[in-house]
C-alpha atoms as a PDB file:
ATOM      1  CA  MET A   1      21.632   0.585 -11.177  1.00  0.00           C
ATOM      2  CA  ILE A   2      21.736   4.366 -10.841  1.00  0.00           C
ATOM      3  CA  THR A   3      19.355   5.858  -8.313  1.00  0.00           C
ATOM      4  CA  ASP A   4      18.244   9.423  -8.889  1.00  0.00           C
ATOM      5  CA  SER A   5      17.589  10.840  -5.423  1.00  0.00           C
ATOM      6  CA  ILE A   6      16.803  14.313  -6.800  1.00  0.00           C
ATOM      7  CA  GLY A   7      14.339  12.833  -9.288  1.00  0.00           C
ATOM      8  CA  ASN A   8      12.755  10.912  -6.406  1.00  0.00           C
ATOM      9  CA  TYR A   9      12.519  14.171  -4.415  1.00  0.00           C
ATOM     10  CA  PHE A  10      10.717  15.936  -7.293  1.00  0.00           C
ATOM     11  CA  THR A  11       8.439  12.936  -7.872  1.00  0.00           C
ATOM     12  CA  ARG A  12       7.362  12.871  -4.216  1.00  0.00           C
ATOM     13  CA  ILE A  13       6.515  16.589  -4.345  1.00  0.00           C
ATOM     14  CA  ARG A  14       4.720  16.213  -7.709  1.00  0.00           C
ATOM     15  CA  ASN A  15       2.661  13.220  -6.525  1.00  0.00           C
ATOM     16  CA  SER A  16       1.732  15.006  -3.290  1.00  0.00           C
ATOM     17  CA  PHE A  17       0.385  18.151  -4.933  1.00  0.00           C
ATOM     18  CA  ILE A  18      -1.471  16.093  -7.569  1.00  0.00           C
ATOM     19  CA  MET A  19      -3.185  14.147  -4.778  1.00  0.00           C
ATOM     20  CA  GLY A  20      -3.876  17.339  -2.790  1.00  0.00           C
ATOM     21  CA  HIS A  21      -1.728  16.458   0.227  1.00  0.00           C
ATOM     22  CA  ARG A  22      -0.709  19.326   2.503  1.00  0.00           C
ATOM     23  CA  ILE A  23       2.574  17.834   3.801  1.00  0.00           C
ATOM     24  CA  VAL A  24       5.195  15.592   2.212  1.00  0.00           C
ATOM     25  CA  ASN A  25       8.188  13.947   3.897  1.00  0.00           C
ATOM     26  CA  VAL A  26      11.350  13.300   1.880  1.00  0.00           C
ATOM     27  CA  PRO A  27      14.737  11.857   2.882  1.00  0.00           C
ATOM     28  CA  SER A  28      17.262  14.611   3.487  1.00  0.00           C
ATOM     29  CA  SER A  29      20.590  15.528   1.862  1.00  0.00           C
ATOM     30  CA  LYS A  30      22.544  18.776   1.513  1.00  0.00           C
ATOM     31  CA  LEU A  31      21.427  19.192  -2.099  1.00  0.00           C
ATOM     32  CA  LYS A  32      17.759  18.601  -1.261  1.00  0.00           C
ATOM     33  CA  LYS A  33      17.992  21.093   1.629  1.00  0.00           C
ATOM     34  CA  SER A  34      19.351  23.738  -0.745  1.00  0.00           C
ATOM     35  CA  ILE A  35      16.615  23.068  -3.300  1.00  0.00           C
ATOM     36  CA  THR A  36      13.957  23.220  -0.554  1.00  0.00           C
ATOM     37  CA  LYS A  37      15.270  26.612   0.638  1.00  0.00           C
ATOM     38  CA  ILE A  38      15.075  27.950  -2.923  1.00  0.00           C
ATOM     39  CA  LEU A  39      11.498  26.659  -3.321  1.00  0.00           C
ATOM     40  CA  TYR A  40      10.559  28.424  -0.076  1.00  0.00           C
ATOM     41  CA  ASP A  41      12.336  31.682  -0.973  1.00  0.00           C
ATOM     42  CA  GLN A  42      10.655  31.754  -4.406  1.00  0.00           C
ATOM     43  CA  GLY A  43       7.199  31.163  -2.873  1.00  0.00           C
ATOM     44  CA  TYR A  44       6.512  27.673  -4.241  1.00  0.00           C
ATOM     45  CA  ILE A  45       6.114  25.980  -0.852  1.00  0.00           C
ATOM     46  CA  LEU A  46       4.461  27.218   2.332  1.00  0.00           C
ATOM     47  CA  ASN A  47       7.063  26.051   4.848  1.00  0.00           C
ATOM     48  CA  TYR A  48       9.672  23.390   5.544  1.00  0.00           C
ATOM     49  CA  LYS A  49      11.375  21.762   8.514  1.00  0.00           C
ATOM     50  CA  PHE A  50      14.554  19.706   8.746  1.00  0.00           C
ATOM     51  CA  ILE A  51      14.156  16.790  11.173  1.00  0.00           C
ATOM     52  CA  ASP A  52      17.290  14.912  12.230  1.00  0.00           C
ATOM     53  CA  ILE A  53      15.833  11.696  13.691  1.00  0.00           C
ATOM     54  CA  SER A  54      18.211   9.393  11.851  1.00  0.00           C
ATOM     55  CA  PRO A  55      21.682   9.791  10.365  1.00  0.00           C
ATOM     56  CA  GLN A  56      20.099  10.875   7.068  1.00  0.00           C
ATOM     57  CA  GLY A  57      17.221  12.938   8.414  1.00  0.00           C
ATOM     58  CA  ILE A  58      13.905  14.012   6.892  1.00  0.00           C
ATOM     59  CA  ILE A  59      12.678  17.180   5.213  1.00  0.00           C
ATOM     60  CA  LYS A  60       9.041  17.930   6.060  1.00  0.00           C
ATOM     61  CA  ILE A  61       7.581  20.189   3.358  1.00  0.00           C
ATOM     62  CA  ALA A  62       4.228  22.013   3.628  1.00  0.00           C
ATOM     63  CA  LEU A  63       2.888  22.480   0.097  1.00  0.00           C
ATOM     64  CA  LYS A  64       1.283  25.774  -0.904  1.00  0.00           C
ATOM     65  CA  TYR A  65      -2.186  26.001  -2.437  1.00  0.00           C
ATOM     66  CA  ASP A  66      -4.255  28.925  -3.730  1.00  0.00           C
ATOM     67  CA  LYS A  67      -6.721  29.999  -1.014  1.00  0.00           C
ATOM     68  CA  ILE A  68      -9.636  30.576  -3.380  1.00  0.00           C
ATOM     69  CA  SER A  69      -9.395  27.788  -5.951  1.00  0.00           C
ATOM     70  CA  GLY A  70      -7.408  25.266  -3.888  1.00  0.00           C
ATOM     71  CA  ILE A  71      -5.034  24.623  -6.814  1.00  0.00           C
ATOM     72  CA  SER A  72      -1.366  24.001  -6.095  1.00  0.00           C
ATOM     73  CA  VAL A  73       1.053  26.902  -6.600  1.00  0.00           C
ATOM     74  CA  ILE A  74       3.417  24.486  -8.368  1.00  0.00           C
ATOM     75  CA  LYS A  75       1.909  23.636 -11.751  1.00  0.00           C
ATOM     76  CA  CYS A  76       4.850  21.587 -13.021  1.00  0.00           C
ATOM     77  CA  ILE A  77       8.169  20.427 -11.624  1.00  0.00           C
ATOM     78  CA  LYS A  78      10.366  18.932 -14.327  1.00  0.00           C
ATOM     79  CA  ARG A  79      13.777  17.248 -13.965  1.00  0.00           C
ATOM     80  CA  ILE A  80      16.154  18.396 -16.711  1.00  0.00           C
ATOM     81  CA  SER A  81      19.645  17.042 -16.024  1.00  0.00           C
ATOM     82  CA  LYS A  82      19.502  13.334 -15.253  1.00  0.00           C
ATOM     83  CA  PRO A  83      22.198  10.862 -14.150  1.00  0.00           C
ATOM     84  CA  GLY A  84      22.249   9.349 -17.641  1.00  0.00           C
ATOM     85  CA  LEU A  85      22.375  12.690 -19.460  1.00  0.00           C
ATOM     86  CA  ARG A  86      23.778  15.741 -17.693  1.00  0.00           C
ATOM     87  CA  LYS A  87      22.868  19.157 -19.141  1.00  0.00           C
ATOM     88  CA  TYR A  88      25.292  22.039 -18.617  1.00  0.00           C
ATOM     89  CA  PHE A  89      24.828  25.634 -19.765  1.00  0.00           C
ATOM     90  CA  SER A  90      27.025  28.720 -19.733  1.00  0.00           C
ATOM     91  CA  SER A  91      25.600  31.826 -18.066  1.00  0.00           C
ATOM     92  CA  SER A  92      24.608  33.363 -21.406  1.00  0.00           C
ATOM     93  CA  LYS A  93      22.767  30.189 -22.527  1.00  0.00           C
ATOM     94  CA  ILE A  94      20.650  29.587 -19.380  1.00  0.00           C
ATOM     95  CA  PRO A  95      17.062  29.295 -20.696  1.00  0.00           C
ATOM     96  CA  ARG A  96      14.110  31.289 -19.389  1.00  0.00           C
ATOM     97  CA  VAL A  97      11.262  29.195 -18.010  1.00  0.00           C
ATOM     98  CA  LEU A  98       7.796  30.091 -19.343  1.00  0.00           C
ATOM     99  CA  ASN A  99       9.110  33.436 -20.575  1.00  0.00           C
ATOM    100  CA  GLY A 100      10.201  34.406 -17.047  1.00  0.00           C
ATOM    101  CA  LEU A 101       7.159  33.138 -15.120  1.00  0.00           C
ATOM    102  CA  GLY A 102       8.940  30.022 -13.805  1.00  0.00           C
ATOM    103  CA  ILE A 103      12.380  29.330 -12.385  1.00  0.00           C
ATOM    104  CA  SER A 104      15.222  26.982 -13.127  1.00  0.00           C
ATOM    105  CA  ILE A 105      17.390  25.575 -10.341  1.00  0.00           C
ATOM    106  CA  ILE A 106      21.068  25.299 -11.207  1.00  0.00           C
ATOM    107  CA  SER A 107      24.003  23.587  -9.525  1.00  0.00           C
ATOM    108  CA  THR A 108      27.023  25.887  -9.920  1.00  0.00           C
ATOM    109  CA  SER A 109      30.517  26.116  -8.516  1.00  0.00           C
ATOM    110  CA  LYS A 110      29.133  28.688  -6.025  1.00  0.00           C
ATOM    111  CA  GLY A 111      26.316  26.397  -4.852  1.00  0.00           C
ATOM    112  CA  ILE A 112      22.682  25.779  -5.743  1.00  0.00           C
ATOM    113  CA  MET A 113      20.816  28.820  -7.068  1.00  0.00           C
ATOM    114  CA  THR A 114      18.117  29.946  -9.467  1.00  0.00           C
ATOM    115  CA  GLY A 115      18.838  30.616 -13.126  1.00  0.00           C
ATOM    116  CA  ASN A 116      18.361  34.367 -12.652  1.00  0.00           C
ATOM    117  CA  GLN A 117      20.905  34.469  -9.822  1.00  0.00           C
ATOM    118  CA  ALA A 118      23.392  32.511 -11.928  1.00  0.00           C
ATOM    119  CA  LYS A 119      22.934  34.933 -14.854  1.00  0.00           C
ATOM    120  CA  ARG A 120      23.509  37.940 -12.557  1.00  0.00           C
ATOM    121  CA  MET A 121      26.677  36.334 -11.140  1.00  0.00           C
ATOM    122  CA  ASN A 122      27.765  35.297 -14.670  1.00  0.00           C
ATOM    123  CA  ILE A 123      28.089  31.623 -13.675  1.00  0.00           C
ATOM    124  CA  GLY A 124      27.012  28.588 -15.673  1.00  0.00           C
ATOM    125  CA  GLY A 125      26.296  25.118 -14.377  1.00  0.00           C
ATOM    126  CA  GLU A 126      24.116  22.029 -14.452  1.00  0.00           C
ATOM    127  CA  ILE A 127      20.382  22.731 -14.737  1.00  0.00           C
ATOM    128  CA  LEU A 128      18.616  20.453 -12.269  1.00  0.00           C
ATOM    129  CA  CYS A 129      14.968  21.357 -12.915  1.00  0.00           C
ATOM    130  CA  TYR A 130      12.332  23.767 -14.148  1.00  0.00           C
ATOM    131  CA  ILE A 131       9.498  24.822 -11.846  1.00  0.00           C
ATOM    132  CA  TYR A 132       6.412  26.798 -12.764  1.00  0.00           C
END
């Protein structure tokens, strides 16, 4: 059985903002930490904290909501490349998300980055997810 820890990470975040929770805890890994930093830098989450209480650790994520309407900033978080079907793109073929309104997160040879950063650096890689 293949476990998809990144898919689990996205599902926990998705379920939390659907239910209106303010904070979500997810098990930590280097890849999840990188994705969390990108979500924070792009303005999709309010804050995050890495807690090392066990060998694996926990990422505590504060979700971001619109102050007026109370709707989550993240409308959709969609896993693209899965353990059963990996999706790789060259730098020229990296798709735009919602005509530039969303972001894609890509695993490259230079680390985890957004699709726009990968295009600027002329690097392709595995597209992990779309967020808008």
